[in-house]
Amino acid sequence: MISIRFIAADGSEQTLRATPDQSLMKAAVDANITGIEADCGGTLTCATCHVMIGAPWAEQLPPPSRDEADMLDFAASPVQPSSRLSCQVLLKPELDGMVVHLPASQH
């Protein structure tokens, strides 16, 4: 199992334990994490699963694809260097303990 800590814009925290090889978005939606809307269900056609991945985990992820980078242009909250669409982050054991910051709004 992989432990992931979500920190909302207001500082509140939620933690989940997820199985590897699923998307961060799917794990968050299944755990009812507040702040990830995922309107498109993970098809990379919206930006409502925008998150910011904390260090050092952001550096462990492959770079965003061109499609992901383009879709981040539509994020409701300002994009940061560590911004990702959670539907594109595949959970792996080495991400155990990952900290994920949620934007103030997805819409």
N, C-alpha and C. Protein backbone atom coordinates (compact mmCIF):
# COMPACT_ATOMS: atom_id res chain seq x y z
N MET A 1 0.85 -1.19 0.00
CA MET A 1 0.00 0.00 0.00
C MET A 1 0.88 1.25 0.00
N ILE A 2 0.35 2.29 -0.59
CA ILE A 2 1.05 3.56 -0.70
C ILE A 2 0.27 4.59 0.12
N SER A 3 0.95 5.29 0.99
CA SER A 3 0.33 6.34 1.79
C SER A 3 0.54 7.68 1.08
N ILE A 4 -0.54 8.44 0.96
CA ILE A 4 -0.49 9.75 0.30
C ILE A 4 -1.18 10.76 1.19
N ARG A 5 -0.51 11.88 1.43
CA ARG A 5 -1.08 12.94 2.27
C ARG A 5 -1.47 14.11 1.37
N PHE A 6 -2.73 14.51 1.44
CA PHE A 6 -3.25 15.64 0.68
C PHE A 6 -3.38 16.84 1.61
N ILE A 7 -2.87 17.98 1.17
CA ILE A 7 -2.96 19.21 1.94
C ILE A 7 -3.77 20.22 1.12
N ALA A 8 -4.91 20.61 1.66
CA ALA A 8 -5.79 21.58 0.98
C ALA A 8 -5.21 22.98 1.09
N ALA A 9 -5.73 23.88 0.29
CA ALA A 9 -5.28 25.28 0.29
C ALA A 9 -5.48 25.92 1.66
N ASP A 10 -6.48 25.46 2.42
CA ASP A 10 -6.72 26.02 3.76
C ASP A 10 -5.86 25.37 4.85
N GLY A 11 -4.99 24.43 4.45
CA GLY A 11 -4.10 23.77 5.40
C GLY A 11 -4.63 22.47 5.99
N SER A 12 -5.91 22.17 5.75
CA SER A 12 -6.45 20.91 6.27
C SER A 12 -5.82 19.74 5.51
N GLU A 13 -5.78 18.59 6.17
CA GLU A 13 -5.11 17.43 5.58
C GLU A 13 -6.01 16.22 5.57
N GLN A 14 -5.80 15.39 4.54
CA GLN A 14 -6.47 14.09 4.41
C GLN A 14 -5.39 13.10 3.97
N THR A 15 -5.47 11.89 4.46
CA THR A 15 -4.50 10.87 4.08
C THR A 15 -5.24 9.66 3.55
N LEU A 16 -4.67 9.02 2.55
CA LEU A 16 -5.25 7.79 2.04
C LEU A 16 -4.16 6.76 1.86
N ARG A 17 -4.58 5.51 1.80
CA ARG A 17 -3.69 4.40 1.47
C ARG A 17 -4.24 3.80 0.20
N ALA A 18 -3.38 3.67 -0.80
CA ALA A 18 -3.81 3.22 -2.12
C ALA A 18 -2.95 2.07 -2.61
N THR A 19 -3.50 1.31 -3.52
CA THR A 19 -2.74 0.23 -4.14
C THR A 19 -1.93 0.79 -5.31
N PRO A 20 -0.78 0.21 -5.58
CA PRO A 20 0.04 0.66 -6.71
C PRO A 20 -0.66 0.41 -8.05
N ASP A 21 -0.14 1.08 -9.07
CA ASP A 21 -0.55 0.91 -10.46
C ASP A 21 -1.95 1.43 -10.77
N GLN A 22 -2.41 2.38 -9.98
CA GLN A 22 -3.62 3.12 -10.33
C GLN A 22 -3.24 4.59 -10.36
N SER A 23 -4.07 5.41 -10.96
CA SER A 23 -3.76 6.83 -11.00
C SER A 23 -4.02 7.47 -9.63
N LEU A 24 -3.28 8.52 -9.38
CA LEU A 24 -3.49 9.30 -8.17
C LEU A 24 -4.93 9.81 -8.12
N MET A 25 -5.47 10.23 -9.26
CA MET A 25 -6.85 10.71 -9.32
C MET A 25 -7.83 9.62 -8.91
N LYS A 26 -7.67 8.42 -9.45
CA LYS A 26 -8.59 7.32 -9.14
C LYS A 26 -8.55 7.00 -7.65
N ALA A 27 -7.35 6.95 -7.09
CA ALA A 27 -7.22 6.67 -5.65
C ALA A 27 -7.90 7.76 -4.84
N ALA A 28 -7.72 9.02 -5.23
CA ALA A 28 -8.32 10.14 -4.50
C ALA A 28 -9.84 10.13 -4.60
N VAL A 29 -10.35 9.90 -5.79
CA VAL A 29 -11.81 9.86 -5.98
C VAL A 29 -12.41 8.70 -5.19
N ASP A 30 -11.78 7.53 -5.26
CA ASP A 30 -12.29 6.37 -4.52
C ASP A 30 -12.29 6.60 -3.01
N ALA A 31 -11.35 7.43 -2.53
CA ALA A 31 -11.25 7.73 -1.10
C ALA A 31 -12.02 8.99 -0.71
N ASN A 32 -12.77 9.56 -1.65
CA ASN A 32 -13.56 10.77 -1.40
C ASN A 32 -12.71 11.93 -0.89
N ILE A 33 -11.54 12.10 -1.49
CA ILE A 33 -10.67 13.22 -1.13
C ILE A 33 -11.32 14.51 -1.65
N THR A 34 -11.57 15.43 -0.74
CA THR A 34 -12.16 16.71 -1.11
C THR A 34 -11.13 17.54 -1.84
N GLY A 35 -11.52 18.10 -2.99
CA GLY A 35 -10.63 18.99 -3.72
C GLY A 35 -10.17 18.45 -5.06
N ILE A 36 -10.52 17.20 -5.36
CA ILE A 36 -10.23 16.63 -6.68
C ILE A 36 -11.58 16.33 -7.31
N GLU A 37 -11.93 17.11 -8.32
CA GLU A 37 -13.24 16.96 -8.96
C GLU A 37 -13.25 15.86 -10.02
N ALA A 38 -12.23 15.82 -10.88
CA ALA A 38 -12.10 14.78 -11.90
C ALA A 38 -13.33 14.69 -12.79
N ASP A 39 -13.77 15.82 -13.30
CA ASP A 39 -14.99 15.87 -14.12
C ASP A 39 -14.95 14.93 -15.32
N CYS A 40 -13.78 14.76 -15.96
CA CYS A 40 -13.72 13.93 -17.17
C CYS A 40 -13.44 12.47 -16.85
N GLY A 41 -13.26 12.13 -15.59
CA GLY A 41 -13.03 10.75 -15.20
C GLY A 41 -11.65 10.22 -15.55
N GLY A 42 -10.72 11.11 -15.84
CA GLY A 42 -9.35 10.67 -16.11
C GLY A 42 -9.02 10.51 -17.57
N THR A 43 -9.79 11.13 -18.44
CA THR A 43 -9.54 11.00 -19.88
C THR A 43 -8.68 12.12 -20.46
N LEU A 44 -8.11 12.95 -19.60
CA LEU A 44 -7.22 14.03 -20.00
C LEU A 44 -7.93 15.05 -20.91
N THR A 45 -9.20 15.35 -20.56
CA THR A 45 -9.96 16.34 -21.32
C THR A 45 -10.45 17.48 -20.44
N CYS A 46 -9.96 17.55 -19.21
CA CYS A 46 -10.27 18.68 -18.33
C CYS A 46 -9.06 18.88 -17.43
N ALA A 47 -9.14 19.84 -16.55
CA ALA A 47 -8.03 20.07 -15.62
C ALA A 47 -8.54 20.13 -14.19
N THR A 48 -9.61 19.39 -13.91
CA THR A 48 -10.22 19.46 -12.58
C THR A 48 -9.65 18.43 -11.60
N CYS A 49 -8.49 17.88 -11.96
CA CYS A 49 -7.77 17.02 -11.02
C CYS A 49 -6.37 17.57 -10.80
N HIS A 50 -6.23 18.88 -11.03
CA HIS A 50 -4.95 19.59 -10.86
C HIS A 50 -4.47 19.48 -9.42
N VAL A 51 -3.21 19.12 -9.25
CA VAL A 51 -2.56 19.05 -7.94
C VAL A 51 -1.13 19.56 -8.09
N MET A 52 -0.51 19.83 -6.96
CA MET A 52 0.91 20.17 -6.93
C MET A 52 1.59 19.09 -6.09
N ILE A 53 2.56 18.44 -6.67
CA ILE A 53 3.27 17.34 -6.01
C ILE A 53 4.44 17.89 -5.21
N GLY A 54 4.51 17.53 -3.95
CA GLY A 54 5.59 18.01 -3.09
C GLY A 54 6.93 17.38 -3.42
N ALA A 55 8.00 18.06 -3.06
CA ALA A 55 9.35 17.52 -3.20
C ALA A 55 9.55 16.49 -2.09
N PRO A 56 10.29 15.47 -2.31
CA PRO A 56 11.09 15.11 -3.48
C PRO A 56 10.34 14.25 -4.50
N TRP A 57 9.05 14.03 -4.26
CA TRP A 57 8.28 13.13 -5.13
C TRP A 57 8.08 13.69 -6.52
N ALA A 58 7.94 15.00 -6.66
CA ALA A 58 7.75 15.58 -7.99
C ALA A 58 8.90 15.21 -8.92
N GLU A 59 10.10 15.19 -8.39
CA GLU A 59 11.27 14.87 -9.20
C GLU A 59 11.34 13.39 -9.58
N GLN A 60 10.59 12.56 -8.89
CA GLN A 60 10.60 11.12 -9.18
C GLN A 60 9.62 10.74 -10.28
N LEU A 61 8.75 11.68 -10.65
CA LEU A 61 7.75 11.40 -11.68
C LEU A 61 8.33 11.67 -13.06
N PRO A 62 7.86 10.95 -14.06
CA PRO A 62 8.26 11.31 -15.42
C PRO A 62 7.70 12.69 -15.75
N PRO A 63 8.32 13.40 -16.65
CA PRO A 63 7.80 14.73 -16.99
C PRO A 63 6.40 14.62 -17.59
N PRO A 64 5.61 15.70 -17.48
CA PRO A 64 4.27 15.67 -18.09
C PRO A 64 4.37 15.51 -19.60
N SER A 65 3.41 14.79 -20.14
CA SER A 65 3.32 14.69 -21.60
C SER A 65 2.91 16.05 -22.16
N ARG A 66 3.06 16.21 -23.43
CA ARG A 66 2.64 17.47 -24.08
C ARG A 66 1.15 17.72 -23.86
N ASP A 67 0.34 16.65 -23.97
CA ASP A 67 -1.11 16.79 -23.76
C ASP A 67 -1.42 17.24 -22.33
N GLU A 68 -0.72 16.67 -21.36
CA GLU A 68 -0.95 17.06 -19.97
C GLU A 68 -0.54 18.52 -19.77
N ALA A 69 0.61 18.89 -20.27
CA ALA A 69 1.09 20.28 -20.14
C ALA A 69 0.11 21.25 -20.79
N ASP A 70 -0.41 20.88 -21.95
CA ASP A 70 -1.39 21.74 -22.63
C ASP A 70 -2.68 21.85 -21.81
N MET A 71 -3.14 20.75 -21.24
CA MET A 71 -4.39 20.76 -20.46
C MET A 71 -4.22 21.57 -19.18
N LEU A 72 -3.04 21.59 -18.60
CA LEU A 72 -2.81 22.39 -17.39
C LEU A 72 -3.05 23.88 -17.65
N ASP A 73 -2.97 24.30 -18.90
CA ASP A 73 -3.28 25.70 -19.24
C ASP A 73 -4.72 26.06 -18.88
N PHE A 74 -5.57 25.05 -18.73
CA PHE A 74 -6.99 25.28 -18.43
C PHE A 74 -7.31 25.14 -16.94
N ALA A 75 -6.30 24.94 -16.11
CA ALA A 75 -6.52 24.81 -14.67
C ALA A 75 -7.11 26.09 -14.11
N ALA A 76 -8.04 25.95 -13.17
CA ALA A 76 -8.71 27.11 -12.58
C ALA A 76 -7.80 27.89 -11.64
N SER A 77 -6.87 27.20 -11.00
CA SER A 77 -5.94 27.85 -10.08
C SER A 77 -4.58 27.97 -10.75
N PRO A 78 -3.77 28.91 -10.30
CA PRO A 78 -2.46 29.10 -10.92
C PRO A 78 -1.63 27.82 -10.93
N VAL A 79 -0.99 27.58 -12.06
CA VAL A 79 -0.14 26.42 -12.23
C VAL A 79 1.24 26.72 -11.65
N GLN A 80 1.78 25.76 -10.94
CA GLN A 80 3.10 25.86 -10.30
C GLN A 80 4.06 24.94 -11.04
N PRO A 81 5.37 25.08 -10.82
CA PRO A 81 6.32 24.15 -11.45
C PRO A 81 6.04 22.68 -11.11
N SER A 82 5.47 22.43 -9.94
CA SER A 82 5.18 21.05 -9.52
C SER A 82 3.75 20.61 -9.86
N SER A 83 3.03 21.41 -10.66
CA SER A 83 1.65 21.07 -11.01
C SER A 83 1.60 19.86 -11.93
N ARG A 84 0.62 19.02 -11.64
CA ARG A 84 0.35 17.85 -12.48
C ARG A 84 -1.15 17.62 -12.49
N LEU A 85 -1.61 16.88 -13.47
CA LEU A 85 -2.98 16.38 -13.45
C LEU A 85 -2.91 15.02 -12.78
N SER A 86 -3.65 14.86 -11.71
CA SER A 86 -3.53 13.62 -10.94
C SER A 86 -3.95 12.39 -11.72
N CYS A 87 -4.72 12.56 -12.79
CA CYS A 87 -5.09 11.41 -13.63
C CYS A 87 -3.88 10.87 -14.39
N GLN A 88 -2.82 11.65 -14.48
CA GLN A 88 -1.63 11.25 -15.23
C GLN A 88 -0.50 10.77 -14.33
N VAL A 89 -0.72 10.74 -13.03
CA VAL A 89 0.29 10.29 -12.07
C VAL A 89 -0.02 8.85 -11.68
N LEU A 90 0.84 7.93 -12.12
CA LEU A 90 0.66 6.52 -11.80
C LEU A 90 1.35 6.22 -10.48
N LEU A 91 0.61 5.64 -9.55
CA LEU A 91 1.15 5.34 -8.23
C LEU A 91 2.08 4.14 -8.28
N LYS A 92 3.27 4.33 -7.73
CA LYS A 92 4.29 3.29 -7.64
C LYS A 92 4.77 3.23 -6.19
N PRO A 93 5.28 2.09 -5.74
CA PRO A 93 5.73 1.95 -4.34
C PRO A 93 6.71 3.03 -3.90
N GLU A 94 7.57 3.49 -4.79
CA GLU A 94 8.54 4.51 -4.41
C GLU A 94 7.90 5.87 -4.10
N LEU A 95 6.62 6.01 -4.37
CA LEU A 95 5.90 7.26 -4.04
C LEU A 95 5.24 7.20 -2.67
N ASP A 96 5.48 6.12 -1.93
CA ASP A 96 4.92 6.01 -0.58
C ASP A 96 5.33 7.22 0.26
N GLY A 97 4.35 7.83 0.91
CA GLY A 97 4.60 9.02 1.73
C GLY A 97 4.45 10.32 0.97
N MET A 98 4.08 10.25 -0.29
CA MET A 98 3.97 11.44 -1.14
C MET A 98 3.03 12.48 -0.53
N VAL A 99 3.43 13.73 -0.66
CA VAL A 99 2.60 14.85 -0.22
C VAL A 99 2.07 15.54 -1.47
N VAL A 100 0.76 15.77 -1.49
CA VAL A 100 0.08 16.37 -2.63
C VAL A 100 -0.66 17.61 -2.13
N HIS A 101 -0.37 18.75 -2.74
CA HIS A 101 -1.05 19.99 -2.38
C HIS A 101 -2.20 20.22 -3.35
N LEU A 102 -3.35 20.58 -2.80
CA LEU A 102 -4.55 20.82 -3.62
C LEU A 102 -4.73 22.31 -3.85
N PRO A 103 -5.16 22.70 -5.04
CA PRO A 103 -5.39 24.11 -5.32
C PRO A 103 -6.65 24.61 -4.60
N ALA A 104 -6.78 25.92 -4.54
CA ALA A 104 -7.94 26.52 -3.87
C ALA A 104 -9.25 26.16 -4.57
N SER A 105 -9.19 25.96 -5.88
CA SER A 105 -10.40 25.64 -6.64
C SER A 105 -10.05 24.84 -7.87
N GLN A 106 -10.97 23.99 -8.29
CA GLN A 106 -10.82 23.25 -9.54
C GLN A 106 -11.71 23.85 -10.64
N HIS A 107 -12.59 24.79 -10.26
CA HIS A 107 -13.51 25.41 -11.23
C HIS A 107 -13.38 26.91 -11.18
